[in-house]
Amino acid sequence: MGRVNYVGLDSLEREEKEALNTIVLNHASKLDRILPNLNLRFHVKLYDIGGKVKYSFHARTKIGKETLLAEAADWDMRRTTHMAMEKLLTAVEHKLHVQGQKQQKFHPKKAKRGFGKNVKLKMRGRAKSI
């Protein structure tokens, strides 16, 4: 499995760190199936707004020369972590076209006008041009 770097983790309490680590590692294992050498950086930011704590997470990874970024902010730490990691997983799948359409077989008789007209088929032992 690849490695996960945390930035700003010291601003969380011990229970929050453990919960964050389990959620991120769970999603990182899904990402690791797509990207074998996963290098994930996870930024943790806290905002104190009117006595409540707002969590802001930024997750990023590199694919070749490109960097993919996903961010989420919410009042609930677990929900925010899931949102950020799901956004990153969606971005990776979109970039690598993991789930695509099924390729159909080429059939020269059903081809559009001008496409595939010079294809030769062998029918009953003789070559025939369509």
Protein backbone atom coordinates (compact mmCIF):
# COMPACT_ATOMS: atom_id res chain seq x y z
CA MET A 1 0.00 0.00 0.00
CA GLY A 2 1.17 3.53 -0.71
CA ARG A 3 1.95 6.08 1.89
CA VAL A 4 -0.24 8.77 3.44
CA ASN A 5 1.21 12.05 4.71
CA TYR A 6 -0.83 14.12 7.16
CA VAL A 7 -0.36 17.87 7.54
CA GLY A 8 -1.88 19.70 10.53
CA LEU A 9 -2.84 16.54 12.38
CA ASP A 10 -1.61 17.90 15.73
CA SER A 11 -4.62 20.25 15.92
CA LEU A 12 -6.95 17.23 16.43
CA GLU A 13 -7.61 15.28 19.61
CA ARG A 14 -6.51 11.66 20.01
CA GLU A 15 -9.95 10.12 19.28
CA GLU A 16 -10.37 12.32 16.22
CA LYS A 17 -6.91 11.34 14.96
CA GLU A 18 -7.74 7.65 15.24
CA ALA A 19 -11.09 8.05 13.49
CA LEU A 20 -9.53 10.15 10.73
CA ASN A 21 -6.72 7.64 10.23
CA THR A 22 -9.10 4.67 9.88
CA ILE A 23 -11.35 6.48 7.38
CA VAL A 24 -8.43 7.74 5.28
CA LEU A 25 -6.70 4.33 5.24
CA ASN A 26 -9.97 2.64 4.25
CA HIS A 27 -10.36 4.96 1.26
CA ALA A 28 -6.62 4.79 0.50
CA SER A 29 -6.91 1.03 0.06
CA LYS A 30 -9.58 1.65 -2.61
CA LEU A 31 -7.31 4.17 -4.32
CA ASP A 32 -4.38 1.77 -4.07
CA ARG A 33 -6.20 -0.72 -6.29
CA ILE A 34 -6.29 1.90 -9.06
CA LEU A 35 -2.90 3.53 -8.36
CA PRO A 36 -0.38 0.95 -7.13
CA ASN A 37 2.17 3.52 -5.89
CA LEU A 38 -0.18 5.85 -4.09
CA ASN A 39 1.32 8.95 -2.52
CA LEU A 40 -1.47 10.77 -0.70
CA ARG A 41 -1.17 14.06 1.15
CA PHE A 42 -3.99 14.97 3.53
CA HIS A 43 -4.25 18.51 4.94
CA VAL A 44 -6.27 19.13 8.10
CA LYS A 45 -7.53 22.61 8.96
CA LEU A 46 -9.78 23.65 11.83
CA TYR A 47 -11.79 26.85 12.07
CA ASP A 48 -13.37 28.02 15.33
CA ILE A 49 -16.57 29.81 14.39
CA GLY A 50 -18.80 30.97 17.22
CA GLY A 51 -17.71 28.22 19.60
CA LYS A 52 -18.19 25.47 17.01
CA VAL A 53 -15.37 23.76 15.15
CA LYS A 54 -15.51 23.58 11.36
CA TYR A 55 -13.29 20.99 9.66
CA SER A 56 -11.68 21.58 6.30
CA PHE A 57 -9.79 18.76 4.61
CA HIS A 58 -7.73 18.85 1.43
CA ALA A 59 -6.56 15.58 -0.15
CA ARG A 60 -4.14 15.46 -3.05
CA THR A 61 -2.27 12.87 -5.03
CA LYS A 62 -0.09 12.87 -8.12
CA ILE A 63 -0.70 10.90 -11.30
CA GLY A 64 2.33 11.27 -13.50
CA LYS A 65 2.89 15.00 -13.85
CA GLU A 66 -0.62 16.03 -12.81
CA THR A 67 -1.84 16.69 -9.29
CA LEU A 68 -5.41 15.82 -8.38
CA LEU A 69 -7.00 17.77 -5.54
CA ALA A 70 -10.19 17.26 -3.57
CA GLU A 71 -11.43 19.41 -0.72
CA ALA A 72 -14.38 19.37 1.65
CA ALA A 73 -15.51 21.49 4.61
CA ASP A 74 -18.25 20.73 7.12
CA TRP A 75 -19.08 20.71 10.81
CA ASP A 76 -18.84 16.91 11.22
CA MET A 77 -15.34 15.45 11.05
CA ARG A 78 -16.28 11.96 9.82
CA ARG A 79 -18.64 13.20 7.13
CA THR A 80 -16.08 15.72 5.90
CA THR A 81 -13.37 13.07 5.70
CA HIS A 82 -15.61 10.77 3.68
CA MET A 83 -16.59 13.62 1.33
CA ALA A 84 -12.97 14.62 0.65
CA MET A 85 -11.81 11.06 0.00
CA GLU A 86 -14.82 10.20 -2.19
CA LYS A 87 -14.17 13.33 -4.26
CA LEU A 88 -10.55 12.30 -4.70
CA LEU A 89 -11.58 8.76 -5.71
CA THR A 90 -14.01 10.19 -8.27
CA ALA A 91 -11.33 12.51 -9.67
CA VAL A 92 -8.87 9.62 -10.05
CA GLU A 93 -11.48 7.42 -11.75
CA HIS A 94 -12.41 10.26 -14.07
CA LYS A 95 -8.80 11.00 -14.95
CA LEU A 96 -7.89 7.38 -15.67
CA HIS A 97 -11.25 6.44 -17.28
CA VAL A 98 -11.59 3.42 -15.02
CA GLN A 99 -15.29 2.97 -15.74
CA GLY A 100 -15.99 3.47 -19.41
CA GLN A 101 -18.45 2.42 -22.01
CA LYS A 102 -18.31 -1.04 -23.48
CA GLN A 103 -16.62 -1.10 -26.87
CA GLN A 104 -18.83 -2.49 -29.62
CA LYS A 105 -17.65 -4.67 -32.46
CA PHE A 106 -17.28 -3.07 -35.88
CA HIS A 107 -19.86 -4.26 -38.37
CA PRO A 108 -19.20 -2.95 -41.91
CA LYS A 109 -22.79 -3.30 -43.15
CA LYS A 110 -24.09 -1.15 -40.30
CA ALA A 111 -21.34 1.42 -40.73
CA LYS A 112 -22.06 5.06 -41.51
CA ARG A 113 -21.79 6.31 -45.07
CA GLY A 114 -18.20 6.60 -46.16
CA PHE A 115 -16.86 4.71 -43.17
CA GLY A 116 -15.65 1.17 -43.75
CA LYS A 117 -16.61 1.05 -47.41
CA ASN A 118 -13.23 -0.35 -48.47
CA VAL A 119 -13.33 -3.24 -46.02
CA LYS A 120 -13.16 -6.65 -47.69
CA LEU A 121 -15.13 -9.52 -46.27
CA LYS A 122 -14.63 -13.18 -47.02
CA MET A 123 -18.00 -14.61 -47.86
CA ARG A 124 -18.32 -18.21 -49.06
CA GLY A 125 -14.72 -18.51 -50.12
CA ARG A 126 -14.43 -15.34 -52.21
CA ALA A 127 -13.45 -11.81 -51.28
CA LYS A 128 -16.16 -9.23 -51.53
CA SER A 129 -15.74 -5.49 -51.26
CA ILE A 130 -18.44 -3.53 -49.50
